[in-house]
N, C-alpha and C. Protein backbone atom coordinates (compact mmCIF):
# COMPACT_ATOMS: atom_id res chain seq x y z
N MET A 1 1.24 -22.58 -29.85
CA MET A 1 1.04 -22.69 -28.41
C MET A 1 2.23 -22.06 -27.67
N ILE A 2 1.94 -21.26 -26.69
CA ILE A 2 2.99 -20.60 -25.91
C ILE A 2 3.45 -21.53 -24.79
N MET A 3 4.77 -21.74 -24.74
CA MET A 3 5.37 -22.57 -23.69
C MET A 3 5.88 -21.66 -22.58
N LEU A 4 5.46 -21.93 -21.34
CA LEU A 4 5.90 -21.13 -20.21
C LEU A 4 6.97 -21.87 -19.42
N LYS A 5 7.94 -21.11 -18.95
CA LYS A 5 8.98 -21.63 -18.05
C LYS A 5 8.76 -21.00 -16.69
N ARG A 6 9.27 -21.65 -15.69
CA ARG A 6 9.21 -21.11 -14.32
C ARG A 6 10.63 -20.95 -13.80
N ALA A 7 10.82 -19.90 -13.04
CA ALA A 7 12.12 -19.67 -12.42
C ALA A 7 11.90 -19.24 -10.97
N LYS A 8 12.80 -19.67 -10.10
CA LYS A 8 12.80 -19.20 -8.72
C LYS A 8 14.16 -18.53 -8.51
N ILE A 9 14.12 -17.29 -8.08
CA ILE A 9 15.34 -16.51 -7.92
C ILE A 9 15.46 -16.03 -6.48
N LYS A 10 16.60 -16.29 -5.89
CA LYS A 10 16.91 -15.79 -4.55
C LYS A 10 17.44 -14.38 -4.69
N ILE A 11 16.88 -13.46 -3.90
CA ILE A 11 17.23 -12.04 -3.99
C ILE A 11 17.59 -11.52 -2.60
N ASP A 12 18.74 -10.87 -2.47
CA ASP A 12 19.13 -10.23 -1.22
C ASP A 12 18.89 -8.73 -1.31
N GLY A 13 18.62 -8.13 -0.16
CA GLY A 13 18.49 -6.67 -0.09
C GLY A 13 17.07 -6.17 0.06
N MET A 14 16.10 -7.05 -0.01
CA MET A 14 14.71 -6.62 0.17
C MET A 14 14.40 -6.56 1.66
N SER A 15 13.80 -5.45 2.11
CA SER A 15 13.52 -5.30 3.53
C SER A 15 12.08 -4.85 3.83
N CYS A 16 11.30 -4.54 2.79
CA CYS A 16 9.95 -4.03 3.03
C CYS A 16 9.06 -4.28 1.81
N GLN A 17 7.80 -3.94 1.94
CA GLN A 17 6.86 -4.13 0.84
C GLN A 17 7.17 -3.22 -0.35
N HIS A 18 7.80 -2.09 -0.10
CA HIS A 18 8.23 -1.23 -1.22
C HIS A 18 9.27 -1.96 -2.06
N CYS A 19 10.17 -2.69 -1.41
CA CYS A 19 11.17 -3.49 -2.13
C CYS A 19 10.49 -4.56 -2.98
N VAL A 20 9.48 -5.20 -2.42
CA VAL A 20 8.73 -6.23 -3.15
C VAL A 20 8.10 -5.62 -4.40
N LYS A 21 7.49 -4.45 -4.24
CA LYS A 21 6.86 -3.78 -5.39
C LYS A 21 7.90 -3.39 -6.43
N THR A 22 9.05 -2.92 -6.00
CA THR A 22 10.10 -2.51 -6.92
C THR A 22 10.58 -3.70 -7.76
N VAL A 23 10.83 -4.83 -7.11
CA VAL A 23 11.27 -6.03 -7.83
C VAL A 23 10.16 -6.53 -8.75
N THR A 24 8.94 -6.57 -8.24
CA THR A 24 7.80 -7.02 -9.04
C THR A 24 7.65 -6.18 -10.30
N ASP A 25 7.70 -4.86 -10.14
CA ASP A 25 7.56 -3.95 -11.29
C ASP A 25 8.71 -4.12 -12.29
N ALA A 26 9.93 -4.24 -11.77
CA ALA A 26 11.10 -4.36 -12.65
C ALA A 26 11.04 -5.63 -13.49
N VAL A 27 10.65 -6.73 -12.89
CA VAL A 27 10.59 -8.01 -13.61
C VAL A 27 9.35 -8.05 -14.51
N SER A 28 8.24 -7.52 -14.04
CA SER A 28 7.00 -7.51 -14.84
C SER A 28 7.15 -6.72 -16.13
N ASP A 29 8.02 -5.73 -16.13
CA ASP A 29 8.24 -4.90 -17.32
C ASP A 29 8.99 -5.63 -18.44
N LEU A 30 9.60 -6.77 -18.12
CA LEU A 30 10.35 -7.52 -19.14
C LEU A 30 9.40 -8.20 -20.12
N ASP A 31 9.76 -8.16 -21.39
CA ASP A 31 8.96 -8.78 -22.44
C ASP A 31 8.92 -10.29 -22.26
N GLY A 32 7.73 -10.86 -22.19
CA GLY A 32 7.58 -12.29 -22.07
C GLY A 32 7.21 -12.77 -20.68
N VAL A 33 7.27 -11.90 -19.68
CA VAL A 33 6.92 -12.29 -18.31
C VAL A 33 5.40 -12.31 -18.18
N SER A 34 4.87 -13.43 -17.67
CA SER A 34 3.43 -13.53 -17.51
C SER A 34 2.99 -13.45 -16.04
N GLN A 35 3.90 -13.77 -15.11
CA GLN A 35 3.53 -13.73 -13.69
C GLN A 35 4.78 -13.56 -12.83
N VAL A 36 4.67 -12.74 -11.78
CA VAL A 36 5.75 -12.54 -10.83
C VAL A 36 5.15 -12.57 -9.43
N LYS A 37 5.72 -13.40 -8.56
CA LYS A 37 5.33 -13.44 -7.15
C LYS A 37 6.59 -13.29 -6.33
N VAL A 38 6.69 -12.20 -5.58
CA VAL A 38 7.86 -11.94 -4.75
C VAL A 38 7.48 -12.19 -3.29
N ASN A 39 8.30 -12.97 -2.60
CA ASN A 39 8.07 -13.30 -1.21
C ASN A 39 9.17 -12.64 -0.37
N LEU A 40 8.80 -11.63 0.39
CA LEU A 40 9.76 -10.88 1.20
C LEU A 40 10.39 -11.76 2.28
N LYS A 41 9.56 -12.55 2.96
CA LYS A 41 10.05 -13.40 4.05
C LYS A 41 11.11 -14.40 3.57
N LYS A 42 10.87 -15.01 2.41
CA LYS A 42 11.81 -15.98 1.86
C LYS A 42 12.93 -15.32 1.06
N GLY A 43 12.74 -14.06 0.68
CA GLY A 43 13.75 -13.36 -0.12
C GLY A 43 13.89 -13.96 -1.51
N GLU A 44 12.73 -14.26 -2.12
CA GLU A 44 12.79 -14.86 -3.44
C GLU A 44 11.63 -14.40 -4.33
N ALA A 45 11.82 -14.62 -5.62
CA ALA A 45 10.79 -14.32 -6.60
C ALA A 45 10.53 -15.57 -7.43
N LYS A 46 9.26 -15.85 -7.68
CA LYS A 46 8.87 -16.93 -8.58
C LYS A 46 8.30 -16.26 -9.82
N ILE A 47 8.83 -16.65 -10.96
CA ILE A 47 8.50 -15.97 -12.21
C ILE A 47 8.07 -16.99 -13.26
N LYS A 48 6.99 -16.67 -13.98
CA LYS A 48 6.57 -17.46 -15.14
C LYS A 48 6.82 -16.58 -16.36
N PHE A 49 7.44 -17.17 -17.39
CA PHE A 49 7.73 -16.39 -18.59
C PHE A 49 7.72 -17.30 -19.82
N GLU A 50 7.58 -16.67 -20.97
CA GLU A 50 7.54 -17.40 -22.22
C GLU A 50 8.93 -17.92 -22.58
N LYS A 51 9.00 -19.21 -22.83
CA LYS A 51 10.26 -19.85 -23.22
C LYS A 51 10.75 -19.23 -24.53
N GLY A 52 12.00 -18.86 -24.57
CA GLY A 52 12.60 -18.30 -25.78
C GLY A 52 12.49 -16.79 -25.90
N ARG A 53 11.72 -16.13 -25.03
CA ARG A 53 11.57 -14.67 -25.12
C ARG A 53 12.34 -13.94 -24.03
N LEU A 54 12.86 -14.69 -23.06
CA LEU A 54 13.52 -14.08 -21.92
C LEU A 54 14.62 -15.03 -21.46
N ASP A 55 15.74 -14.46 -20.99
CA ASP A 55 16.81 -15.32 -20.47
C ASP A 55 17.25 -14.86 -19.09
N LEU A 56 18.11 -15.66 -18.49
CA LEU A 56 18.57 -15.41 -17.13
C LEU A 56 19.26 -14.05 -16.99
N GLU A 57 20.05 -13.66 -17.97
CA GLU A 57 20.76 -12.37 -17.90
C GLU A 57 19.79 -11.20 -17.85
N GLN A 58 18.69 -11.29 -18.58
CA GLN A 58 17.69 -10.22 -18.56
C GLN A 58 17.04 -10.12 -17.18
N LEU A 59 16.73 -11.27 -16.59
CA LEU A 59 16.16 -11.27 -15.24
C LEU A 59 17.15 -10.69 -14.24
N LYS A 60 18.39 -11.14 -14.32
CA LYS A 60 19.43 -10.66 -13.41
C LYS A 60 19.63 -9.16 -13.55
N THR A 61 19.71 -8.67 -14.77
CA THR A 61 19.90 -7.24 -15.01
C THR A 61 18.75 -6.42 -14.43
N ALA A 62 17.53 -6.88 -14.61
CA ALA A 62 16.37 -6.15 -14.09
C ALA A 62 16.43 -6.05 -12.57
N ILE A 63 16.79 -7.13 -11.90
CA ILE A 63 16.86 -7.15 -10.43
C ILE A 63 17.99 -6.28 -9.92
N VAL A 64 19.17 -6.41 -10.52
CA VAL A 64 20.33 -5.62 -10.10
C VAL A 64 20.10 -4.12 -10.37
N THR A 65 19.53 -3.80 -11.52
CA THR A 65 19.24 -2.40 -11.86
C THR A 65 18.24 -1.80 -10.88
N ALA A 66 17.34 -2.63 -10.36
CA ALA A 66 16.35 -2.16 -9.38
C ALA A 66 16.98 -1.94 -8.01
N GLY A 67 18.25 -2.37 -7.83
CA GLY A 67 18.97 -2.10 -6.59
C GLY A 67 19.11 -3.28 -5.65
N PHE A 68 18.92 -4.49 -6.15
CA PHE A 68 18.98 -5.67 -5.30
C PHE A 68 20.03 -6.65 -5.81
N GLU A 69 20.37 -7.63 -4.96
CA GLU A 69 21.41 -8.60 -5.32
C GLU A 69 20.78 -9.90 -5.78
N PHE A 70 21.14 -10.31 -6.98
CA PHE A 70 20.72 -11.59 -7.56
C PHE A 70 21.63 -12.66 -6.98
N VAL A 71 21.09 -13.57 -6.17
CA VAL A 71 21.92 -14.55 -5.48
C VAL A 71 22.01 -15.86 -6.25
N TRP A 72 20.87 -16.45 -6.60
CA TRP A 72 20.88 -17.68 -7.38
C TRP A 72 19.57 -17.84 -8.12
N PHE A 73 19.62 -18.77 -9.07
CA PHE A 73 18.50 -19.05 -9.97
C PHE A 73 18.23 -20.55 -9.95
N LYS A 74 16.97 -20.92 -9.95
CA LYS A 74 16.63 -22.35 -9.95
C LYS A 74 15.49 -22.57 -10.92
């Protein structure tokens, strides 16, 4: 049985729907991610991923590499 974890990440630097798509694509490309919802107004992403296949550093790297600031993780 696959165990899913949820993460909420605060992201700075998003200003338009293109930014939302960029973050969504960057995180979706990570192995183990099953769902990504990016909210421009709140400046955050909600992510569902397989426990044990992905860690916080991988999420942070994907967001920073896409050109945005990783603020916090919950």
